[in-house]
Amino acid sequence: MYGPGEFPVTHPAPDGALDQIHLPREAWPQARITVRGDSGFSNDELMAWCEEEGIDDLLGLAKNDRLKRRIESHMEVVYSITRLAQTDQ
């Protein structure tokens, strides 16, 4: 059994879901659209599609050693700020 964030397969968007994005765009052409999904939906195809369509995306990334190394210093800053905020209360 897999734990959180360990499922090895990315899931495609539900059938027809991306086709529906054009409906609000037709009604509100100036509206900013954001596609949001967890790491199970994050894949190159979806990110490329969003970029081509001018749609923002907020997609999770599965944890991996390379990602952890790249964000380590940033997370130390976040943890420091969080600790400071907690001591000020």
N, C-alpha and C. Protein backbone atom coordinates (compact mmCIF):
# COMPACT_ATOMS: atom_id res chain seq x y z
N MET A 1 0.85 -1.18 0.00
CA MET A 1 0.00 0.00 0.00
C MET A 1 0.89 1.24 0.00
N TYR A 2 0.46 2.26 -0.71
CA TYR A 2 1.23 3.49 -0.81
C TYR A 2 0.79 4.49 0.24
N GLY A 3 1.75 5.28 0.72
CA GLY A 3 1.46 6.36 1.66
C GLY A 3 1.22 7.64 0.89
N PRO A 4 0.89 8.74 1.58
CA PRO A 4 0.65 10.02 0.92
C PRO A 4 1.85 10.43 0.07
N GLY A 5 1.58 10.81 -1.17
CA GLY A 5 2.63 11.29 -2.06
C GLY A 5 3.51 10.20 -2.64
N GLU A 6 3.18 8.93 -2.41
CA GLU A 6 4.02 7.85 -2.91
C GLU A 6 3.43 7.12 -4.10
N PHE A 7 2.21 7.44 -4.50
CA PHE A 7 1.59 6.74 -5.62
C PHE A 7 2.37 7.06 -6.88
N PRO A 8 2.86 6.06 -7.61
CA PRO A 8 3.83 6.28 -8.68
C PRO A 8 3.28 6.76 -10.01
N VAL A 9 1.99 6.81 -10.19
CA VAL A 9 1.43 7.14 -11.50
C VAL A 9 0.78 8.51 -11.47
N THR A 10 1.06 9.33 -12.48
CA THR A 10 0.34 10.60 -12.58
C THR A 10 -1.00 10.34 -13.25
N HIS A 11 -1.99 11.07 -12.84
CA HIS A 11 -3.34 10.87 -13.37
C HIS A 11 -3.64 11.93 -14.41
N PRO A 12 -4.26 11.54 -15.52
CA PRO A 12 -4.66 12.56 -16.48
C PRO A 12 -5.85 13.34 -15.94
N ALA A 13 -6.06 14.51 -16.48
CA ALA A 13 -7.25 15.28 -16.10
C ALA A 13 -8.48 14.47 -16.49
N PRO A 14 -9.56 14.58 -15.73
CA PRO A 14 -10.78 13.85 -16.09
C PRO A 14 -11.21 14.18 -17.51
N ASP A 15 -11.75 13.19 -18.20
CA ASP A 15 -12.18 13.38 -19.59
C ASP A 15 -13.04 14.63 -19.75
N GLY A 16 -12.65 15.48 -20.68
CA GLY A 16 -13.42 16.67 -20.99
C GLY A 16 -13.19 17.85 -20.06
N ALA A 17 -12.44 17.65 -18.98
CA ALA A 17 -12.26 18.74 -18.00
C ALA A 17 -11.56 19.94 -18.63
N LEU A 18 -10.52 19.70 -19.40
CA LEU A 18 -9.79 20.81 -20.00
C LEU A 18 -10.59 21.49 -21.09
N ASP A 19 -11.47 20.74 -21.74
CA ASP A 19 -12.34 21.34 -22.76
C ASP A 19 -13.29 22.36 -22.14
N GLN A 20 -13.65 22.17 -20.88
CA GLN A 20 -14.60 23.05 -20.21
C GLN A 20 -14.01 24.42 -19.89
N ILE A 21 -12.70 24.54 -19.92
CA ILE A 21 -12.06 25.81 -19.58
C ILE A 21 -12.44 26.90 -20.57
N HIS A 22 -12.76 26.53 -21.79
CA HIS A 22 -13.12 27.53 -22.79
C HIS A 22 -14.49 28.16 -22.53
N LEU A 23 -15.34 27.49 -21.76
CA LEU A 23 -16.66 28.05 -21.47
C LEU A 23 -16.57 29.35 -20.67
N PRO A 24 -15.87 29.39 -19.52
CA PRO A 24 -15.78 30.67 -18.81
C PRO A 24 -14.98 31.71 -19.60
N ARG A 25 -14.03 31.25 -20.40
CA ARG A 25 -13.24 32.19 -21.20
C ARG A 25 -14.12 32.90 -22.23
N GLU A 26 -15.09 32.19 -22.81
CA GLU A 26 -16.01 32.81 -23.76
C GLU A 26 -16.91 33.82 -23.06
N ALA A 27 -17.36 33.49 -21.86
CA ALA A 27 -18.26 34.38 -21.13
C ALA A 27 -17.52 35.57 -20.54
N TRP A 28 -16.32 35.35 -20.05
CA TRP A 28 -15.51 36.40 -19.42
C TRP A 28 -14.11 36.39 -20.02
N PRO A 29 -13.94 36.98 -21.19
CA PRO A 29 -12.65 36.89 -21.90
C PRO A 29 -11.47 37.48 -21.12
N GLN A 30 -11.70 38.41 -20.23
CA GLN A 30 -10.61 39.03 -19.48
C GLN A 30 -10.29 38.29 -18.18
N ALA A 31 -11.09 37.27 -17.86
CA ALA A 31 -10.89 36.54 -16.60
C ALA A 31 -9.58 35.76 -16.64
N ARG A 32 -8.93 35.71 -15.50
CA ARG A 32 -7.71 34.93 -15.35
C ARG A 32 -8.10 33.54 -14.86
N ILE A 33 -7.66 32.52 -15.54
CA ILE A 33 -8.02 31.15 -15.19
C ILE A 33 -6.79 30.44 -14.64
N THR A 34 -6.99 29.70 -13.56
CA THR A 34 -5.91 28.93 -12.95
C THR A 34 -6.34 27.48 -12.82
N VAL A 35 -5.52 26.57 -13.30
CA VAL A 35 -5.74 25.14 -13.13
C VAL A 35 -4.97 24.73 -11.88
N ARG A 36 -5.65 24.05 -10.97
CA ARG A 36 -5.03 23.66 -9.70
C ARG A 36 -5.13 22.15 -9.54
N GLY A 37 -4.05 21.53 -9.13
CA GLY A 37 -4.09 20.09 -8.90
C GLY A 37 -2.93 19.64 -8.03
N ASP A 38 -3.10 18.49 -7.40
CA ASP A 38 -2.02 17.97 -6.57
C ASP A 38 -0.99 17.27 -7.45
N SER A 39 0.02 16.72 -6.85
CA SER A 39 1.12 16.14 -7.62
C SER A 39 0.69 14.98 -8.51
N GLY A 40 -0.41 14.34 -8.19
CA GLY A 40 -0.89 13.24 -9.03
C GLY A 40 -1.35 13.70 -10.40
N PHE A 41 -1.68 14.98 -10.54
CA PHE A 41 -2.14 15.51 -11.82
C PHE A 41 -1.05 16.30 -12.53
N SER A 42 0.07 16.50 -11.88
CA SER A 42 1.15 17.32 -12.44
C SER A 42 1.95 16.50 -13.45
N ASN A 43 1.96 16.96 -14.69
CA ASN A 43 2.77 16.30 -15.71
C ASN A 43 3.13 17.32 -16.79
N ASP A 44 4.13 16.99 -17.58
CA ASP A 44 4.62 17.92 -18.61
C ASP A 44 3.54 18.31 -19.60
N GLU A 45 2.70 17.35 -19.97
CA GLU A 45 1.65 17.62 -20.95
C GLU A 45 0.68 18.69 -20.44
N LEU A 46 0.24 18.56 -19.20
CA LEU A 46 -0.69 19.53 -18.64
C LEU A 46 -0.04 20.90 -18.49
N MET A 47 1.21 20.93 -18.01
CA MET A 47 1.91 22.21 -17.85
C MET A 47 2.11 22.90 -19.19
N ALA A 48 2.47 22.13 -20.22
CA ALA A 48 2.66 22.70 -21.57
C ALA A 48 1.34 23.22 -22.11
N TRP A 49 0.25 22.48 -21.89
CA TRP A 49 -1.06 22.91 -22.36
C TRP A 49 -1.46 24.23 -21.70
N CYS A 50 -1.28 24.32 -20.41
CA CYS A 50 -1.62 25.56 -19.69
C CYS A 50 -0.81 26.73 -20.26
N GLU A 51 0.47 26.51 -20.50
CA GLU A 51 1.32 27.57 -21.03
C GLU A 51 0.85 28.00 -22.41
N GLU A 52 0.54 27.04 -23.27
CA GLU A 52 0.06 27.34 -24.62
C GLU A 52 -1.25 28.12 -24.61
N GLU A 53 -2.12 27.79 -23.66
CA GLU A 53 -3.44 28.42 -23.58
C GLU A 53 -3.43 29.72 -22.78
N GLY A 54 -2.29 30.09 -22.22
CA GLY A 54 -2.22 31.30 -21.40
C GLY A 54 -2.95 31.14 -20.08
N ILE A 55 -2.95 29.94 -19.55
CA ILE A 55 -3.65 29.63 -18.30
C ILE A 55 -2.61 29.40 -17.21
N ASP A 56 -2.82 30.03 -16.06
CA ASP A 56 -1.93 29.82 -14.92
C ASP A 56 -2.15 28.43 -14.36
N ASP A 57 -1.12 27.86 -13.79
CA ASP A 57 -1.30 26.57 -13.14
C ASP A 57 -0.65 26.59 -11.76
N LEU A 58 -1.26 25.86 -10.87
CA LEU A 58 -0.77 25.69 -9.51
C LEU A 58 -0.82 24.19 -9.25
N LEU A 59 0.31 23.54 -9.55
CA LEU A 59 0.35 22.09 -9.48
C LEU A 59 1.40 21.64 -8.47
N GLY A 60 1.05 20.69 -7.67
CA GLY A 60 1.99 20.16 -6.70
C GLY A 60 3.05 19.32 -7.38
N LEU A 61 4.17 19.20 -6.73
CA LEU A 61 5.25 18.33 -7.20
C LEU A 61 5.49 17.26 -6.16
N ALA A 62 5.67 16.03 -6.62
CA ALA A 62 5.97 14.94 -5.69
C ALA A 62 7.34 15.18 -5.07
N LYS A 63 7.48 14.83 -3.81
CA LYS A 63 8.78 15.00 -3.15
C LYS A 63 9.80 14.07 -3.79
N ASN A 64 11.00 14.60 -3.96
CA ASN A 64 12.11 13.79 -4.42
C ASN A 64 13.39 14.44 -3.90
N ASP A 65 14.48 13.70 -3.93
CA ASP A 65 15.73 14.20 -3.34
C ASP A 65 16.22 15.47 -4.02
N ARG A 66 16.10 15.55 -5.33
CA ARG A 66 16.56 16.74 -6.06
C ARG A 66 15.76 17.98 -5.64
N LEU A 67 14.44 17.83 -5.56
CA LEU A 67 13.59 18.95 -5.15
C LEU A 67 13.92 19.35 -3.71
N LYS A 68 14.08 18.39 -2.83
CA LYS A 68 14.40 18.70 -1.44
C LYS A 68 15.70 19.51 -1.33
N ARG A 69 16.72 19.12 -2.11
CA ARG A 69 17.99 19.86 -2.09
C ARG A 69 17.80 21.29 -2.59
N ARG A 70 16.98 21.47 -3.63
CA ARG A 70 16.80 22.81 -4.21
C ARG A 70 16.04 23.75 -3.29
N ILE A 71 15.14 23.23 -2.47
CA ILE A 71 14.34 24.11 -1.62
C ILE A 71 14.82 24.16 -0.17
N GLU A 72 15.85 23.39 0.15
CA GLU A 72 16.30 23.28 1.54
C GLU A 72 16.58 24.64 2.19
N SER A 73 17.35 25.51 1.52
CA SER A 73 17.69 26.80 2.12
C SER A 73 16.45 27.68 2.26
N HIS A 74 15.53 27.58 1.31
CA HIS A 74 14.29 28.37 1.39
C HIS A 74 13.44 27.90 2.57
N MET A 75 13.39 26.60 2.77
CA MET A 75 12.59 26.06 3.87
C MET A 75 13.18 26.44 5.21
N GLU A 76 14.50 26.53 5.30
CA GLU A 76 15.12 26.97 6.56
C GLU A 76 14.66 28.39 6.90
N VAL A 77 14.56 29.26 5.91
CA VAL A 77 14.07 30.62 6.13
C VAL A 77 12.62 30.59 6.60
N VAL A 78 11.80 29.78 5.94
CA VAL A 78 10.38 29.67 6.32
C VAL A 78 10.26 29.18 7.75
N TYR A 79 11.02 28.16 8.10
CA TYR A 79 10.96 27.63 9.47
C TYR A 79 11.42 28.68 10.49
N SER A 80 12.45 29.44 10.15
CA SER A 80 12.93 30.49 11.06
C SER A 80 11.87 31.56 11.27
N ILE A 81 11.23 31.99 10.21
CA ILE A 81 10.18 33.00 10.31
C ILE A 81 9.02 32.47 11.13
N THR A 82 8.66 31.21 10.91
CA THR A 82 7.56 30.60 11.66
C THR A 82 7.89 30.56 13.15
N ARG A 83 9.12 30.15 13.48
CA ARG A 83 9.52 30.10 14.88
C ARG A 83 9.48 31.49 15.52
N LEU A 84 9.96 32.51 14.79
CA LEU A 84 9.93 33.88 15.30
C LEU A 84 8.51 34.36 15.54
N ALA A 85 7.62 34.06 14.60
CA ALA A 85 6.23 34.47 14.74
C ALA A 85 5.59 33.80 15.94
N GLN A 86 5.94 32.57 16.21
CA GLN A 86 5.35 31.85 17.35
C GLN A 86 5.87 32.40 18.68
N THR A 87 7.11 32.85 18.72
CA THR A 87 7.65 33.40 19.97
C THR A 87 7.13 34.80 20.25
N ASP A 88 6.68 35.51 19.22
CA ASP A 88 6.14 36.86 19.40
C ASP A 88 4.72 36.84 19.95
N GLN A 89 4.08 35.70 19.97
CA GLN A 89 2.68 35.66 20.40
C GLN A 89 2.54 35.57 21.89
